[in-house]
Amino acid sequence: MNASNIEVRRGSFVLNVPTFFAGPNGTALLGPNGAGKTTLLLVLAGLIASAGNVERPRRIATVFARPAVLRGTTLWNVSTVVRSVLDIDAAESDDRARTALDGVGLRAAAHAEARTLSTGERQRLALARALACEPQALFVDEPFANVDADARPALRTLVATYCARSRCDLTIATSSLADVLALCAETVVLNAGSVAYQGRVQELSGTRDRYVLALIAESRVAS
């Protein structure tokens, strides 16, 4: 997907992104709190109006940092959305939902009331729901922030594998360098609504952006 001349004004805050591209190899949105990461993600997903031009595929999916769940079982939460999006019968949508829940490690919770799930489990449910709908573009806000650390590598692999296999354009807004390195080849660093850096993830260490340098330093300490 491609976008150009994006501009959003919210009071004194102005988001200005001249160009944007995301493909199956992934583009990460980085930046401090209030930089405009989530705003840009929502613009790209078509959930916030903006000036400029955004070209996106027909079928997209968005996973929010605090995903909503519907009244009903975990399985039903996935199946009912899949059935509506893909226009398939209940039996097939249930099969797809079970497969998706297996992929995110929620098989045991398939028949649990979804609203009793933990925050991390709700994030997994939302990811399963999104992937089961076979999106051509996937937008994810802080994808694994509330998921247990030992479960994150498998979920990153799940997303990367789906995008590579399905040629799905991936955009993530994240504060995790591990997410960026595992899922993305490109990155856009925002600062106060403006682009501070745009380019290859491999070249991030060469930027002088203070936020990026702090993120890299923190990751080195953690490792």
Protein backbone atom coordinates (compact mmCIF):
# COMPACT_ATOMS: atom_id res chain seq x y z
CA MET A 1 0.00 0.00 0.00
CA ASN A 2 1.04 3.58 -0.65
CA ALA A 3 0.13 6.96 0.78
CA SER A 4 1.18 10.52 0.12
CA ASN A 5 0.69 14.03 1.53
CA ILE A 6 -1.06 12.84 4.70
CA GLU A 7 -2.09 15.67 6.98
CA VAL A 8 -4.25 15.53 10.12
CA ARG A 9 -5.00 18.47 12.42
CA ARG A 10 -6.28 17.93 15.95
CA GLY A 11 -6.19 21.15 17.92
CA SER A 12 -2.55 22.19 18.15
CA PHE A 13 -1.31 18.79 16.95
CA VAL A 14 -0.52 18.39 13.27
CA LEU A 15 0.48 15.09 11.65
CA ASN A 16 2.35 15.54 8.39
CA VAL A 17 3.68 12.54 6.45
CA PRO A 18 4.74 13.25 2.85
CA THR A 19 5.07 9.62 1.73
CA PHE A 20 4.42 6.15 3.12
CA PHE A 21 4.81 2.61 1.85
CA ALA A 22 4.09 -0.80 3.39
CA GLY A 23 4.47 -4.25 1.88
CA PRO A 24 4.62 -7.86 3.11
CA ASN A 25 8.05 -7.22 4.64
CA GLY A 26 6.47 -4.76 7.05
CA THR A 27 6.78 -1.09 7.99
CA ALA A 28 7.08 -0.05 11.63
CA LEU A 29 5.88 3.24 13.08
CA LEU A 30 8.14 4.37 15.91
CA GLY A 31 8.21 7.45 18.10
CA PRO A 32 7.63 8.70 21.65
CA ASN A 33 4.20 9.04 23.23
CA GLY A 34 2.14 11.63 21.39
CA ALA A 35 4.32 11.50 18.26
CA GLY A 36 1.40 10.43 16.06
CA LYS A 37 2.02 6.69 15.60
CA THR A 38 -1.52 5.56 16.34
CA THR A 39 -3.03 8.50 14.47
CA LEU A 40 -1.05 7.59 11.34
CA LEU A 41 -1.98 3.92 11.71
CA LEU A 42 -5.67 4.81 11.88
CA VAL A 43 -5.39 7.11 8.87
CA LEU A 44 -3.75 4.35 6.85
CA ALA A 45 -6.47 1.91 7.92
CA GLY A 46 -9.16 4.37 6.84
CA LEU A 47 -10.50 4.96 10.35
CA ILE A 48 -9.52 8.64 10.56
CA ALA A 49 -10.09 11.16 7.78
CA SER A 50 -7.10 13.08 6.50
CA ALA A 51 -5.89 15.23 3.68
CA GLY A 52 -3.78 13.37 1.14
CA ASN A 53 -4.07 10.12 -0.72
CA VAL A 54 -4.06 6.56 0.66
CA GLU A 55 -4.14 3.54 -1.63
CA ARG A 56 -5.00 0.38 0.28
CA PRO A 57 -6.30 -3.05 -0.75
CA ARG A 58 -9.98 -3.89 -0.43
CA ARG A 59 -9.79 -6.29 2.53
CA ILE A 60 -7.97 -4.96 5.58
CA ALA A 61 -7.84 -5.81 9.28
CA THR A 62 -6.87 -3.69 12.27
CA VAL A 63 -5.77 -4.97 15.69
CA PHE A 64 -5.92 -2.39 18.45
CA ALA A 65 -3.81 -2.16 21.58
CA ARG A 66 -7.01 -2.55 23.62
CA PRO A 67 -9.17 -4.73 21.37
CA ALA A 68 -12.91 -4.95 21.79
CA VAL A 69 -14.52 -8.33 22.37
CA LEU A 70 -18.15 -9.25 21.81
CA ARG A 71 -20.51 -11.01 24.18
CA GLY A 72 -20.12 -14.75 23.59
CA THR A 73 -17.41 -17.38 23.48
CA THR A 74 -13.89 -16.82 22.21
CA LEU A 75 -14.66 -19.09 19.25
CA TRP A 76 -17.84 -17.19 18.42
CA ASN A 77 -15.95 -13.87 18.57
CA VAL A 78 -13.70 -15.06 15.76
CA SER A 79 -16.18 -17.13 13.78
CA THR A 80 -18.94 -14.54 13.51
CA VAL A 81 -16.58 -11.90 12.11
CA VAL A 82 -14.95 -14.36 9.70
CA ARG A 83 -18.36 -15.48 8.44
CA SER A 84 -19.40 -11.89 7.77
CA VAL A 85 -16.16 -10.81 6.08
CA LEU A 86 -15.59 -13.89 3.92
CA ASP A 87 -19.28 -14.67 3.30
CA ILE A 88 -18.95 -18.38 4.20
CA ASP A 89 -21.20 -20.76 6.10
CA ALA A 90 -21.09 -21.34 9.87
CA ALA A 91 -19.28 -24.68 9.68
CA GLU A 92 -16.42 -23.31 7.60
CA SER A 93 -16.11 -20.14 9.67
CA ASP A 94 -15.96 -22.25 12.86
CA ASP A 95 -13.19 -24.36 11.33
CA ARG A 96 -11.24 -21.28 10.35
CA ALA A 97 -11.77 -19.80 13.80
CA ARG A 98 -10.47 -22.95 15.54
CA THR A 99 -7.37 -22.96 13.35
CA ALA A 100 -6.75 -19.29 14.08
CA LEU A 101 -7.18 -19.77 17.83
CA ASP A 102 -4.77 -22.70 17.75
CA GLY A 103 -2.24 -20.44 16.05
CA VAL A 104 -2.32 -17.87 18.86
CA GLY A 105 -2.40 -20.42 21.67
CA LEU A 106 -6.04 -20.01 22.66
CA ARG A 107 -7.35 -23.49 21.87
CA ALA A 108 -8.16 -24.17 25.54
CA ALA A 109 -10.14 -20.92 25.78
CA ALA A 110 -12.24 -21.48 22.65
CA HIS A 111 -15.46 -22.05 24.61
CA ALA A 112 -14.74 -19.57 27.40
CA GLU A 113 -16.70 -16.32 27.62
CA ALA A 114 -14.49 -13.85 25.74
CA ARG A 115 -15.07 -11.04 28.21
CA THR A 116 -13.42 -13.11 30.97
CA LEU A 117 -10.11 -13.27 29.06
CA SER A 118 -7.08 -11.39 30.32
CA THR A 119 -5.81 -8.34 28.46
CA GLY A 120 -3.07 -10.39 26.81
CA GLU A 121 -5.52 -13.12 25.82
CA ARG A 122 -7.81 -10.52 24.29
CA GLN A 123 -4.90 -9.29 22.19
CA ARG A 124 -4.34 -12.85 20.99
CA LEU A 125 -8.04 -13.22 20.20
CA ALA A 126 -7.99 -10.00 18.17
CA LEU A 127 -4.95 -11.18 16.24
CA ALA A 128 -6.58 -14.54 15.52
CA ARG A 129 -9.75 -12.78 14.36
CA ALA A 130 -7.78 -10.50 12.06
CA LEU A 131 -5.69 -13.22 10.42
CA ALA A 132 -8.67 -15.56 10.00
CA CYS A 133 -10.31 -12.90 7.84
CA GLU A 134 -7.44 -13.24 5.34
CA PRO A 135 -6.60 -9.52 5.10
CA GLN A 136 -4.59 -8.06 2.25
CA ALA A 137 -3.34 -5.33 4.58
CA LEU A 138 -2.88 -5.68 8.34
CA PHE A 139 -2.59 -2.74 10.75
CA VAL A 140 -1.54 -3.50 14.32
CA ASP A 141 -1.14 -1.09 17.25
CA GLU A 142 1.33 -2.28 19.93
CA PRO A 143 0.79 -5.89 18.78
CA PHE A 144 2.17 -7.83 21.75
CA ALA A 145 2.44 -5.26 24.52
CA ASN A 146 0.27 -7.23 26.95
CA VAL A 147 1.22 -10.73 25.84
CA ASP A 148 3.51 -12.87 28.01
CA ALA A 149 7.14 -12.47 26.94
CA ASP A 150 7.62 -16.19 26.28
CA ALA A 151 4.66 -16.21 23.84
CA ARG A 152 5.74 -13.21 21.76
CA PRO A 153 8.30 -14.92 19.47
CA ALA A 154 5.73 -17.45 18.22
CA LEU A 155 3.17 -14.71 17.57
CA ARG A 156 5.71 -12.62 15.68
CA THR A 157 6.52 -15.67 13.56
CA LEU A 158 2.81 -16.27 12.96
CA VAL A 159 2.30 -12.72 11.66
CA ALA A 160 5.48 -12.72 9.56
CA THR A 161 4.62 -16.09 8.02
CA TYR A 162 1.07 -15.04 7.16
CA CYS A 163 2.20 -11.79 5.54
CA ALA A 164 4.93 -13.51 3.50
CA ARG A 165 2.62 -16.31 2.36
CA SER A 166 -0.38 -14.11 1.58
CA ARG A 167 1.55 -11.06 0.35
CA CYS A 168 -0.25 -9.05 3.00
CA ASP A 169 0.94 -5.48 3.57
CA LEU A 170 1.91 -5.04 7.23
CA THR A 171 2.04 -1.85 9.28
CA ILE A 172 2.72 -1.87 13.01
CA ALA A 173 2.87 0.94 15.54
CA THR A 174 5.12 -0.18 18.36
CA SER A 175 7.55 0.81 21.08
CA SER A 176 9.28 -2.58 20.94
CA LEU A 177 12.50 -2.86 18.97
CA ALA A 178 12.07 -6.65 19.09
CA ASP A 179 8.79 -6.30 17.16
CA VAL A 180 10.48 -4.09 14.60
CA LEU A 181 13.44 -6.40 14.03
CA ALA A 182 11.23 -9.49 13.77
CA LEU A 183 8.50 -8.09 11.54
CA CYS A 184 9.67 -5.10 9.55
CA ALA A 185 12.17 -4.11 6.89
CA GLU A 186 11.19 -0.42 6.82
CA THR A 187 10.43 2.11 9.51
CA VAL A 188 8.99 5.58 9.91
CA VAL A 189 10.06 7.45 13.04
CA LEU A 190 7.69 10.22 14.09
CA ASN A 191 8.39 13.13 16.41
CA ALA A 192 5.64 15.63 17.24
CA GLY A 193 3.73 14.68 14.10
CA SER A 194 6.65 15.00 11.69
CA VAL A 195 8.87 12.36 10.11
CA ALA A 196 12.23 12.26 11.90
CA TYR A 197 13.52 9.25 9.97
CA GLN A 198 12.21 7.08 7.14
CA GLY A 199 14.10 4.16 5.69
CA ARG A 200 15.53 0.71 6.27
CA VAL A 201 15.36 -0.78 9.77
CA GLN A 202 18.98 -1.87 9.36
CA GLU A 203 20.02 1.78 9.19
CA LEU A 204 18.18 2.86 12.35
CA SER A 205 21.35 2.83 14.41
CA GLY A 206 22.75 5.61 12.21
CA THR A 207 20.00 8.07 13.06
CA ARG A 208 20.55 10.81 15.63
CA ASP A 209 16.95 10.77 16.79
CA ARG A 210 17.02 10.72 20.60
CA TYR A 211 14.07 8.37 20.94
CA VAL A 212 15.58 5.80 18.58
CA LEU A 213 18.98 5.98 20.30
CA ALA A 214 17.31 5.45 23.69
CA LEU A 215 15.33 2.49 22.30
CA ILE A 216 18.49 0.87 20.94
CA ALA A 217 20.37 1.47 24.19
CA GLU A 218 17.53 -0.06 26.21
CA SER A 219 17.43 -3.14 23.99
CA ARG A 220 21.17 -3.66 24.45
CA VAL A 221 20.82 -3.49 28.22
CA ALA A 222 17.93 -5.97 28.14
CA SER A 223 19.90 -8.43 26.04
